[in-house]
PDB file of N, CA and C in Angstrom:
ATOM      1  N   MET A   1     200.673  79.677  59.263  1.00  0.00           N
ATOM      2  CA  MET A   1     199.713  80.206  60.381  1.00  0.00           C
ATOM      3  C   MET A   1     198.543  79.353  60.855  1.00  0.00           C
ATOM      4  N   ARG A   2     198.610  78.771  62.071  1.00  0.00           N
ATOM      5  CA  ARG A   2     197.697  77.956  62.357  1.00  0.00           C
ATOM      6  C   ARG A   2     196.628  78.488  62.713  1.00  0.00           C
ATOM      7  N   THR A   3     195.550  78.045  62.329  1.00  0.00           N
ATOM      8  CA  THR A   3     194.153  78.720  62.440  1.00  0.00           C
ATOM      9  C   THR A   3     193.022  78.179  63.216  1.00  0.00           C
ATOM     10  N   ASP A   4     193.977  77.287  64.127  1.00  0.00           N
ATOM     11  CA  ASP A   4     193.087  76.496  65.167  1.00  0.00           C
ATOM     12  C   ASP A   4     192.852  77.267  66.631  1.00  0.00           C
ATOM     13  N   ASN A   5     192.321  76.898  67.477  1.00  0.00           N
ATOM     14  CA  ASN A   5     192.281  76.958  68.886  1.00  0.00           C
ATOM     15  C   ASN A   5     193.491  77.103  69.615  1.00  0.00           C
ATOM     16  N   SER A   6     194.476  76.616  68.630  1.00  0.00           N
ATOM     17  CA  SER A   6     195.888  76.176  70.040  1.00  0.00           C
ATOM     18  C   SER A   6     196.256  77.080  71.092  1.00  0.00           C
ATOM     19  N   GLY A   7     195.921  78.589  70.648  1.00  0.00           N
ATOM     20  CA  GLY A   7     196.255  79.319  71.951  1.00  0.00           C
ATOM     21  C   GLY A   7     195.351  79.258  73.194  1.00  0.00           C
ATOM     22  N   GLY A   8     194.207  78.827  72.744  1.00  0.00           N
ATOM     23  CA  GLY A   8     193.416  78.466  73.932  1.00  0.00           C
ATOM     24  C   GLY A   8     193.919  77.209  75.146  1.00  0.00           C
ATOM     25  N   GLU A   9     194.541  76.142  74.013  1.00  0.00           N
ATOM     26  CA  GLU A   9     194.606  74.955  74.647  1.00  0.00           C
ATOM     27  C   GLU A   9     196.207  75.016  74.892  1.00  0.00           C
ATOM     28  N   VAL A  10     196.763  75.961  74.749  1.00  0.00           N
ATOM     29  CA  VAL A  10     198.141  76.215  75.529  1.00  0.00           C
ATOM     30  C   VAL A  10     198.096  77.415  76.665  1.00  0.00           C
ATOM     31  N   GLN A  11     197.374  78.115  76.624  1.00  0.00           N
ATOM     32  CA  GLN A  11     196.926  78.943  78.071  1.00  0.00           C
ATOM     33  C   GLN A  11     196.315  77.812  78.745  1.00  0.00           C
ATOM     34  N   GLU A  12     195.010  77.056  78.594  1.00  0.00           N
ATOM     35  CA  GLU A  12     194.603  76.421  79.446  1.00  0.00           C
ATOM     36  C   GLU A  12     195.412  75.244  79.842  1.00  0.00           C
ATOM     37  N   SER A  13     196.509  74.575  79.081  1.00  0.00           N
ATOM     38  CA  SER A  13     197.621  73.844  79.965  1.00  0.00           C
ATOM     39  C   SER A  13     198.319  74.400  80.435  1.00  0.00           C
ATOM     40  N   ILE A  14     198.807  75.683  80.488  1.00  0.00           N
ATOM     41  CA  ILE A  14     199.601  76.549  81.302  1.00  0.00           C
ATOM     42  C   ILE A  14     199.306  76.441  82.669  1.00  0.00           C
ATOM     43  N   THR A  15     197.901  76.999  82.645  1.00  0.00           N
ATOM     44  CA  THR A  15     197.301  77.179  83.941  1.00  0.00           C
ATOM     45  C   THR A  15     197.168  75.962  85.042  1.00  0.00           C
ATOM     46  N   LYS A  16     197.247  74.744  84.407  1.00  0.00           N
ATOM     47  CA  LYS A  16     197.418  73.462  84.949  1.00  0.00           C
ATOM     48  C   LYS A  16     198.355  72.942  85.508  1.00  0.00           C
ATOM     49  N   ILE A  17     199.668  73.381  84.677  1.00  0.00           N
ATOM     50  CA  ILE A  17     201.031  73.112  85.218  1.00  0.00           C
ATOM     51  C   ILE A  17     201.268  73.358  86.987  1.00  0.00           C
ATOM     52  N   ASP A  18     201.836  72.017  87.436  1.00  0.00           N
ATOM     53  CA  ASP A  18     201.874  72.398  88.981  1.00  0.00           C
ATOM     54  C   ASP A  18     203.154  72.923  89.153  1.00  0.00           C
ATOM     55  N   LYS A  19     202.879  74.213  90.046  1.00  0.00           N
ATOM     56  CA  LYS A  19     204.070  75.137  90.151  1.00  0.00           C
ATOM     57  C   LYS A  19     204.719  74.505  91.106  1.00  0.00           C
ATOM     58  N   LEU A  20     204.445  73.675  91.996  1.00  0.00           N
ATOM     59  CA  LEU A  20     205.377  73.319  92.717  1.00  0.00           C
ATOM     60  C   LEU A  20     206.364  72.095  92.052  1.00  0.00           C
ATOM     61  N   ILE A  21     205.824  71.481  91.259  1.00  0.00           N
ATOM     62  CA  ILE A  21     206.903  70.229  90.529  1.00  0.00           C
ATOM     63  C   ILE A  21     207.689  71.392  89.643  1.00  0.00           C
ATOM     64  N   HIS A  22     207.154  72.443  88.785  1.00  0.00           N
ATOM     65  CA  HIS A  22     207.789  73.226  87.775  1.00  0.00           C
ATOM     66  C   HIS A  22     208.926  73.790  88.158  1.00  0.00           C
ATOM     67  N   GLU A  23     209.290  74.134  89.861  1.00  0.00           N
ATOM     68  CA  GLU A  23     210.750  74.687  90.245  1.00  0.00           C
ATOM     69  C   GLU A  23     211.380  73.677  89.863  1.00  0.00           C
ATOM     70  N   PRO A  24     212.446  74.162  89.220  1.00  0.00           N
ATOM     71  CA  PRO A  24     213.871  73.732  88.261  1.00  0.00           C
ATOM     72  C   PRO A  24     214.365  72.405  89.146  1.00  0.00           C
ATOM     73  N   SER A  25     214.959  72.883  90.804  1.00  0.00           N
ATOM     74  CA  SER A  25     215.213  71.554  91.623  1.00  0.00           C
ATOM     75  C   SER A  25     214.262  70.618  91.909  1.00  0.00           C
ATOM     76  N   ARG A  26     212.984  71.147  92.049  1.00  0.00           N
ATOM     77  CA  ARG A  26     212.115  70.071  92.494  1.00  0.00           C
ATOM     78  C   ARG A  26     211.449  69.041  90.730  1.00  0.00           C
ATOM     79  N   TYR A  27     211.290  69.928  90.088  1.00  0.00           N
ATOM     80  CA  TYR A  27     211.151  69.237  88.699  1.00  0.00           C
ATOM     81  C   TYR A  27     212.454  67.987  88.591  1.00  0.00           C
ATOM     82  N   MET A  28     213.760  68.499  88.560  1.00  0.00           N
ATOM     83  CA  MET A  28     214.719  67.458  88.681  1.00  0.00           C
ATOM     84  C   MET A  28     214.882  66.333  89.888  1.00  0.00           C
ATOM     85  N   LEU A  29     214.202  66.392  91.117  1.00  0.00           N
ATOM     86  CA  LEU A  29     214.122  65.416  92.025  1.00  0.00           C
ATOM     87  C   LEU A  29     212.563  64.686  91.861  1.00  0.00           C
ATOM     88  N   MET A  30     211.851  64.993  91.281  1.00  0.00           N
ATOM     89  CA  MET A  30     210.513  64.191  90.621  1.00  0.00           C
ATOM     90  C   MET A  30     211.114  63.626  89.502  1.00  0.00           C
ATOM     91  N   ALA A  31     211.905  63.862  88.654  1.00  0.00           N
ATOM     92  CA  ALA A  31     212.127  63.179  87.780  1.00  0.00           C
ATOM     93  C   ALA A  31     213.110  62.289  87.926  1.00  0.00           C
ATOM     94  N   TYR A  32     214.053  62.183  88.786  1.00  0.00           N
ATOM     95  CA  TYR A  32     214.955  61.307  89.579  1.00  0.00           C
ATOM     96  C   TYR A  32     214.085  60.359  90.088  1.00  0.00           C
ATOM     97  N   LEU A  33     213.342  60.363  91.061  1.00  0.00           N
ATOM     98  CA  LEU A  33     212.446  59.684  91.862  1.00  0.00           C
ATOM     99  C   LEU A  33     211.319  59.111  91.044  1.00  0.00           C
ATOM    100  N   TYR A  34     210.996  59.425  90.092  1.00  0.00           N
ATOM    101  CA  TYR A  34     209.895  58.887  89.150  1.00  0.00           C
ATOM    102  C   TYR A  34     210.528  57.682  88.138  1.00  0.00           C
ATOM    103  N   VAL A  35     211.770  57.051  88.005  1.00  0.00           N
ATOM    104  CA  VAL A  35     212.560  56.244  87.284  1.00  0.00           C
ATOM    105  C   VAL A  35     213.175  55.441  88.132  1.00  0.00           C
ATOM    106  N   VAL A  36     212.992  55.689  89.588  1.00  0.00           N
ATOM    107  CA  VAL A  36     213.486  54.797  90.331  1.00  0.00           C
ATOM    108  C   VAL A  36     212.478  54.506  91.473  1.00  0.00           C
ATOM    109  N   GLU A  37     212.607  53.196  92.300  1.00  0.00           N
ATOM    110  CA  GLU A  37     211.738  52.947  93.187  1.00  0.00           C
ATOM    111  C   GLU A  37     211.982  53.651  94.686  1.00  0.00           C
ATOM    112  N   VAL A  38     213.054  53.835  95.221  1.00  0.00           N
ATOM    113  CA  VAL A  38     213.455  54.338  95.876  1.00  0.00           C
ATOM    114  C   VAL A  38     214.964  54.766  95.780  1.00  0.00           C
ATOM    115  N   ALA A  39     215.319  56.130  96.605  1.00  0.00           N
ATOM    116  CA  ALA A  39     216.819  56.587  96.445  1.00  0.00           C
ATOM    117  C   ALA A  39     216.963  57.396  97.440  1.00  0.00           C
ATOM    118  N   ASP A  40     218.666  57.184  97.904  1.00  0.00           N
ATOM    119  CA  ASP A  40     218.777  58.060  99.424  1.00  0.00           C
ATOM    120  C   ASP A  40     219.485  59.214  98.956  1.00  0.00           C
ATOM    121  N   PHE A  41     219.609  59.668  99.925  1.00  0.00           N
ATOM    122  CA  PHE A  41     220.112  61.323  99.999  1.00  0.00           C
ATOM    123  C   PHE A  41     221.195  61.638  99.121  1.00  0.00           C
ATOM    124  N   LEU A  42     222.202  60.615  99.557  1.00  0.00           N
ATOM    125  CA  LEU A  42     223.592  60.373  99.094  1.00  0.00           C
ATOM    126  C   LEU A  42     223.534  60.371  97.135  1.00  0.00           C
ATOM    127  N   PHE A  43     222.628  59.395  97.175  1.00  0.00           N
ATOM    128  CA  PHE A  43     222.595  59.526  95.620  1.00  0.00           C
ATOM    129  C   PHE A  43     221.705  60.460  94.949  1.00  0.00           C
ATOM    130  N   LEU A  44     220.884  61.281  95.453  1.00  0.00           N
ATOM    131  CA  LEU A  44     220.092  62.310  95.471  1.00  0.00           C
ATOM    132  C   LEU A  44     221.378  63.830  94.941  1.00  0.00           C
ATOM    133  N   ILE A  45     222.173  63.624  95.745  1.00  0.00           N
ATOM    134  CA  ILE A  45     222.952  64.806  96.078  1.00  0.00           C
ATOM    135  C   ILE A  45     224.066  64.771  94.868  1.00  0.00           C
ATOM    136  N   ARG A  46     224.180  63.514  94.805  1.00  0.00           N
ATOM    137  CA  ARG A  46     225.448  63.195  93.752  1.00  0.00           C
ATOM    138  C   ARG A  46     224.518  63.396  92.047  1.00  0.00           C
ATOM    139  N   GLN A  47     223.566  62.972  92.213  1.00  0.00           N
ATOM    140  CA  GLN A  47     222.865  63.289  90.701  1.00  0.00           C
ATOM    141  C   GLN A  47     222.255  64.663  90.485  1.00  0.00           C
ATOM    142  N   THR A  48     222.067  65.645  91.409  1.00  0.00           N
ATOM    143  CA  THR A  48     221.561  66.861  90.985  1.00  0.00           C
ATOM    144  C   THR A  48     222.711  68.007  91.483  1.00  0.00           C
ATOM    145  N   GLY A  49     223.683  67.675  92.690  1.00  0.00           N
ATOM    146  CA  GLY A  49     224.568  68.866  92.611  1.00  0.00           C
ATOM    147  C   GLY A  49     224.137  69.529  93.801  1.00  0.00           C
ATOM    148  N   MET A  50     223.290  69.305  94.560  1.00  0.00           N
ATOM    149  CA  MET A  50     222.556  70.284  95.514  1.00  0.00           C
ATOM    150  C   MET A  50     223.500  69.980  96.741  1.00  0.00           C
ATOM    151  N   THR A  51     223.085  71.016  97.468  1.00  0.00           N
ATOM    152  CA  THR A  51     223.577  70.502  98.914  1.00  0.00           C
ATOM    153  C   THR A  51     222.867  69.818  99.683  1.00  0.00           C
ATOM    154  N   TRP A  52     223.293  69.582 101.095  1.00  0.00           N
ATOM    155  CA  TRP A  52     222.387  68.961 101.768  1.00  0.00           C
ATOM    156  C   TRP A  52     221.303  69.703 102.319  1.00  0.00           C
ATOM    157  N   GLY A  53     221.529  70.807 102.548  1.00  0.00           N
ATOM    158  CA  GLY A  53     220.081  71.932 103.088  1.00  0.00           C
ATOM    159  C   GLY A  53     219.376  72.069 101.905  1.00  0.00           C
ATOM    160  N   ASN A  54     219.847  72.349 101.048  1.00  0.00           N
ATOM    161  CA  ASN A  54     219.060  72.914  99.818  1.00  0.00           C
ATOM    162  C   ASN A  54     217.972  71.272  99.354  1.00  0.00           C
ATOM    163  N   LEU A  55     218.831  70.325  99.259  1.00  0.00           N
ATOM    164  CA  LEU A  55     217.813  68.876  98.882  1.00  0.00           C
ATOM    165  C   LEU A  55     216.821  69.012 100.095  1.00  0.00           C
ATOM    166  N   SER A  56     217.503  68.971 100.902  1.00  0.00           N
ATOM    167  CA  SER A  56     216.477  68.960 102.232  1.00  0.00           C
ATOM    168  C   SER A  56     215.347  69.795 102.035  1.00  0.00           C
ATOM    169  N   ALA A  57     215.506  71.240 101.965  1.00  0.00           N
ATOM    170  CA  ALA A  57     214.346  72.211 101.504  1.00  0.00           C
ATOM    171  C   ALA A  57     213.367  71.758 101.016  1.00  0.00           C
ATOM    172  N   HIS A  58     214.106  71.273  99.935  1.00  0.00           N
ATOM    173  CA  HIS A  58     213.166  71.020  98.468  1.00  0.00           C
ATOM    174  C   HIS A  58     212.022  69.481  98.800  1.00  0.00           C
ATOM    175  N   LEU A  59     212.886  68.601  99.053  1.00  0.00           N
ATOM    176  CA  LEU A  59     212.352  67.435  99.712  1.00  0.00           C
ATOM    177  C   LEU A  59     211.112  67.672 100.701  1.00  0.00           C
ATOM    178  N   SER A  60     211.374  68.804 101.417  1.00  0.00           N
ATOM    179  CA  SER A  60     210.196  69.026 102.511  1.00  0.00           C
ATOM    180  C   SER A  60     209.048  69.612 101.863  1.00  0.00           C
ATOM    181  N   LYS A  61     209.288  70.268 101.186  1.00  0.00           N
ATOM    182  CA  LYS A  61     207.978  70.795 100.180  1.00  0.00           C
ATOM    183  C   LYS A  61     207.507  69.798  99.516  1.00  0.00           C
ATOM    184  N   LEU A  62     208.128  69.202  98.766  1.00  0.00           N
ATOM    185  CA  LEU A  62     207.571  67.629  98.279  1.00  0.00           C
ATOM    186  C   LEU A  62     206.806  66.869  98.970  1.00  0.00           C
ATOM    187  N   GLU A  63     207.134  66.800 100.262  1.00  0.00           N
ATOM    188  CA  GLU A  63     206.371  66.050 101.257  1.00  0.00           C
ATOM    189  C   GLU A  63     205.185  66.591 102.304  1.00  0.00           C
ATOM    190  N   ALA A  64     205.619  67.596 102.126  1.00  0.00           N
ATOM    191  CA  ALA A  64     204.508  68.240 102.817  1.00  0.00           C
ATOM    192  C   ALA A  64     203.092  68.383 101.674  1.00  0.00           C
ATOM    193  N   ALA A  65     203.325  68.595 100.213  1.00  0.00           N
ATOM    194  CA  ALA A  65     202.315  68.351  99.556  1.00  0.00           C
ATOM    195  C   ALA A  65     202.060  66.810  99.200  1.00  0.00           C
ATOM    196  N   GLY A  66     202.534  65.809  99.990  1.00  0.00           N
ATOM    197  CA  GLY A  66     202.060  64.521  99.584  1.00  0.00           C
ATOM    198  C   GLY A  66     202.720  63.939  98.342  1.00  0.00           C
ATOM    199  N   TYR A  67     203.929  64.230  97.868  1.00  0.00           N
ATOM    200  CA  TYR A  67     204.110  63.623  96.576  1.00  0.00           C
ATOM    201  C   TYR A  67     205.718  62.756  96.926  1.00  0.00           C
ATOM    202  N   VAL A  68     206.398  62.792  98.100  1.00  0.00           N
ATOM    203  CA  VAL A  68     207.172  61.761  98.577  1.00  0.00           C
ATOM    204  C   VAL A  68     207.284  61.378  99.889  1.00  0.00           C
ATOM    205  N   VAL A  69     207.918  60.511  99.965  1.00  0.00           N
ATOM    206  CA  VAL A  69     207.580  60.161 101.496  1.00  0.00           C
ATOM    207  C   VAL A  69     208.992  59.917 101.918  1.00  0.00           C
ATOM    208  N   ILE A  70     209.841  60.390 102.844  1.00  0.00           N
ATOM    209  CA  ILE A  70     210.939  60.329 103.590  1.00  0.00           C
ATOM    210  C   ILE A  70     211.027  59.558 104.725  1.00  0.00           C
ATOM    211  N   GLU A  71     211.841  58.708 104.829  1.00  0.00           N
ATOM    212  CA  GLU A  71     212.287  57.733 106.060  1.00  0.00           C
ATOM    213  C   GLU A  71     213.427  57.541 106.193  1.00  0.00           C
ATOM    214  N   LYS A  72     213.676  58.156 107.696  1.00  0.00           N
ATOM    215  CA  LYS A  72     214.934  57.715 108.503  1.00  0.00           C
ATOM    216  C   LYS A  72     215.230  56.243 108.893  1.00  0.00           C
ATOM    217  N   GLU A  73     216.259  56.003 108.270  1.00  0.00           N
ATOM    218  CA  GLU A  73     216.467  54.939 109.682  1.00  0.00           C
ATOM    219  C   GLU A  73     218.544  54.563 109.754  1.00  0.00           C
ATOM    220  N   PHE A  74     218.546  53.970 110.318  1.00  0.00           N
ATOM    221  CA  PHE A  74     220.056  53.712 110.994  1.00  0.00           C
ATOM    222  C   PHE A  74     220.655  52.278 110.259  1.00  0.00           C
ATOM    223  N   LEU A  75     221.850  52.092 109.574  1.00  0.00           N
ATOM    224  CA  LEU A  75     222.198  51.361 109.439  1.00  0.00           C
ATOM    225  C   LEU A  75     223.450  51.227 110.214  1.00  0.00           C
ATOM    226  N   GLY A  76     223.334  50.171 111.424  1.00  0.00           N
ATOM    227  CA  GLY A  76     224.656  50.263 112.002  1.00  0.00           C
ATOM    228  C   GLY A  76     224.440  51.485 112.726  1.00  0.00           C
ATOM    229  N   LYS A  77     225.547  52.642 112.783  1.00  0.00           N
ATOM    230  CA  LYS A  77     225.112  53.458 113.986  1.00  0.00           C
ATOM    231  C   LYS A  77     225.182  54.847 112.999  1.00  0.00           C
ATOM    232  N   LYS A  78     224.938  54.472 111.553  1.00  0.00           N
ATOM    233  CA  LYS A  78     225.274  55.525 110.772  1.00  0.00           C
ATOM    234  C   LYS A  78     223.626  55.782 109.868  1.00  0.00           C
ATOM    235  N   PRO A  79     223.353  57.196 110.110  1.00  0.00           N
ATOM    236  CA  PRO A  79     221.965  57.373 109.838  1.00  0.00           C
ATOM    237  C   PRO A  79     221.559  57.288 107.760  1.00  0.00           C
ATOM    238  N   HIS A  80     220.334  56.932 107.702  1.00  0.00           N
ATOM    239  CA  HIS A  80     220.486  56.638 106.618  1.00  0.00           C
ATOM    240  C   HIS A  80     219.103  57.052 105.858  1.00  0.00           C
ATOM    241  N   THR A  81     218.703  58.136 104.973  1.00  0.00           N
ATOM    242  CA  THR A  81     217.721  58.955 104.661  1.00  0.00           C
ATOM    243  C   THR A  81     217.358  58.215 103.283  1.00  0.00           C
ATOM    244  N   THR A  82     216.094  57.892 103.129  1.00  0.00           N
ATOM    245  CA  THR A  82     215.374  57.174 101.873  1.00  0.00           C
ATOM    246  C   THR A  82     214.501  58.102 101.437  1.00  0.00           C
ATOM    247  N   VAL A  83     213.918  58.309  99.891  1.00  0.00           N
ATOM    248  CA  VAL A  83     213.233  58.990  99.728  1.00  0.00           C
ATOM    249  C   VAL A  83     212.352  58.482  98.526  1.00  0.00           C
ATOM    250  N   ARG A  84     211.126  58.455  98.296  1.00  0.00           N
ATOM    251  CA  ARG A  84     210.298  57.397  97.430  1.00  0.00           C
ATOM    252  C   ARG A  84     209.063  58.473  97.085  1.00  0.00           C
ATOM    253  N   LEU A  85     208.938  58.361  95.584  1.00  0.00           N
ATOM    254  CA  LEU A  85     207.546  59.168  95.492  1.00  0.00           C
ATOM    255  C   LEU A  85     206.388  58.553  96.112  1.00  0.00           C
ATOM    256  N   THR A  86     205.068  59.117  96.471  1.00  0.00           N
ATOM    257  CA  THR A  86     203.933  58.450  96.706  1.00  0.00           C
ATOM    258  C   THR A  86     202.887  57.771  95.519  1.00  0.00           C
ATOM    259  N   ASP A  87     201.964  57.640  95.615  1.00  0.00           N
ATOM    260  CA  ASP A  87     201.275  57.520  94.137  1.00  0.00           C
ATOM    261  C   ASP A  87     200.716  58.657  93.909  1.00  0.00           C
ATOM    262  N   GLU A  88     200.386  59.791  94.782  1.00  0.00           N
ATOM    263  CA  GLU A  88     199.893  60.936  94.636  1.00  0.00           C
ATOM    264  C   GLU A  88     201.114  61.544  93.746  1.00  0.00           C
ATOM    265  N   GLY A  89     202.104  61.340  94.095  1.00  0.00           N
ATOM    266  CA  GLY A  89     203.380  62.116  93.615  1.00  0.00           C
ATOM    267  C   GLY A  89     203.606  61.607  92.190  1.00  0.00           C
ATOM    268  N   ARG A  90     203.632  60.340  91.819  1.00  0.00           N
ATOM    269  CA  ARG A  90     203.884  59.457  90.710  1.00  0.00           C
ATOM    270  C   ARG A  90     202.726  60.638  89.860  1.00  0.00           C
ATOM    271  N   ASN A  91     201.239  60.324  90.256  1.00  0.00           N
ATOM    272  CA  ASN A  91     200.144  61.017  89.241  1.00  0.00           C
ATOM    273  C   ASN A  91     200.493  62.244  89.086  1.00  0.00           C
ATOM    274  N   ALA A  92     200.869  63.321  90.039  1.00  0.00           N
ATOM    275  CA  ALA A  92     201.169  64.312  89.876  1.00  0.00           C
ATOM    276  C   ALA A  92     201.974  64.886  88.773  1.00  0.00           C
ATOM    277  N   PHE A  93     203.165  63.972  88.981  1.00  0.00           N
ATOM    278  CA  PHE A  93     204.591  64.409  88.070  1.00  0.00           C
ATOM    279  C   PHE A  93     203.865  63.696  86.639  1.00  0.00           C
ATOM    280  N   GLU A  94     202.974  62.614  86.356  1.00  0.00           N
ATOM    281  CA  GLU A  94     202.236  62.146  84.824  1.00  0.00           C
ATOM    282  C   GLU A  94     201.527  63.382  84.413  1.00  0.00           C
ATOM    283  N   GLU A  95     200.973  63.958  85.247  1.00  0.00           N
ATOM    284  CA  GLU A  95     200.105  64.951  85.211  1.00  0.00           C
ATOM    285  C   GLU A  95     200.656  66.504  84.443  1.00  0.00           C
ATOM    286  N   TYR A  96     201.742  66.831  85.100  1.00  0.00           N
ATOM    287  CA  TYR A  96     202.723  67.851  84.568  1.00  0.00           C
ATOM    288  C   TYR A  96     203.165  67.487  83.468  1.00  0.00           C
ATOM    289  N   ARG A  97     204.007  66.256  83.237  1.00  0.00           N
ATOM    290  CA  ARG A  97     204.501  65.831  82.054  1.00  0.00           C
ATOM    291  C   ARG A  97     203.500  65.901  80.833  1.00  0.00           C
ATOM    292  N   GLY A  98     202.060  65.464  81.043  1.00  0.00           N
ATOM    293  CA  GLY A  98     201.265  65.629  79.862  1.00  0.00           C
ATOM    294  C   GLY A  98     200.775  66.927  79.392  1.00  0.00           C
ATOM    295  N   ASN A  99     200.698  67.838  80.629  1.00  0.00           N
ATOM    296  CA  ASN A  99     200.403  69.531  80.495  1.00  0.00           C
ATOM    297  C   ASN A  99     201.524  69.831  79.907  1.00  0.00           C
ATOM    298  N   MET A 100     202.799  69.831  80.113  1.00  0.00           N
ATOM    299  CA  MET A 100     203.891  70.194  79.358  1.00  0.00           C
ATOM    300  C   MET A 100     204.002  69.961  78.186  1.00  0.00           C
ATOM    301  N   LYS A 101     203.903  68.676  77.938  1.00  0.00           N
ATOM    302  CA  LYS A 101     203.726  67.970  76.269  1.00  0.00           C
ATOM    303  C   LYS A 101     202.506  68.689  75.415  1.00  0.00           C
ATOM    304  N   ARG A 102     201.300  68.995  76.402  1.00  0.00           N
ATOM    305  CA  ARG A 102     200.301  69.642  75.210  1.00  0.00           C
ATOM    306  C   ARG A 102     200.873  71.098  75.160  1.00  0.00           C
ATOM    307  N   VAL A 103     201.471  72.094  76.132  1.00  0.00           N
ATOM    308  CA  VAL A 103     201.914  72.965  76.050  1.00  0.00           C
ATOM    309  C   VAL A 103     202.869  73.354  74.636  1.00  0.00           C
ATOM    310  N   LEU A 104     204.028  72.336  74.797  1.00  0.00           N
ATOM    311  CA  LEU A 104     204.882  72.230  73.749  1.00  0.00           C
ATOM    312  C   LEU A 104     204.027  71.850  72.185  1.00  0.00           C
ATOM    313  N   ASP A 105     203.271  71.008  72.580  1.00  0.00           N
ATOM    314  CA  ASP A 105     202.917  70.502  70.791  1.00  0.00           C
ATOM    315  C   ASP A 105     202.065  71.534  70.234  1.00  0.00           C
ATOM    316  N   ASN A 106     201.504  72.533  71.390  1.00  0.00           N
ATOM    317  CA  ASN A 106     200.462  73.427  70.785  1.00  0.00           C
ATOM    318  C   ASN A 106     200.855  74.586  70.417  1.00  0.00           C
ATOM    319  N   LEU A 107     202.363  75.050  70.852  1.00  0.00           N
ATOM    320  CA  LEU A 107     202.839  76.242  70.282  1.00  0.00           C
ATOM    321  C   LEU A 107     202.388  75.905  68.624  1.00  0.00           C
ATOM    322  N   PRO A 108     202.288  77.679  68.126  1.00  0.00           N
ATOM    323  CA  PRO A 108     202.122  77.529  66.960  1.00  0.00           C
ATOM    324  C   PRO A 108     203.637  77.651  66.226  1.00  0.00           C
ATOM    325  N   ALA A 109     203.874  77.344  65.128  1.00  0.00           N
ATOM    326  CA  ALA A 109     205.088  77.120  64.584  1.00  0.00           C
ATOM    327  C   ALA A 109     205.340  78.430  63.822  1.00  0.00           C
ATOM    328  N   LYS A 110     206.488  78.932  63.711  1.00  0.00           N
ATOM    329  CA  LYS A 110     206.828  79.769  62.956  1.00  0.00           C
ATOM    330  C   LYS A 110     206.754  80.141  61.345  1.00  0.00           C
TER     331      LYS A 110
END
């Protein structure tokens, strides 16, 4: 049994977890965008299995928070939408990862 104050550390780390990123679909999007410079909608749909509407809704929330930039252009006559993390989004995801790691590392062992 641990006798340190890890329970307080866990609770503090949990309260710092970004709830916007913590939602599973948005977490998945942030994770994919974290490892690529830019991704288009088709790539994200194929990787996540989301529908166009679902993907659009989650990305809109991330965009409103300033975590992603969505750019729309035409390639020839076809629309092409790309998404990338902003510096704020990259920092938020790194902070989220650190907080989750602290929560998991400080859980008491059975």
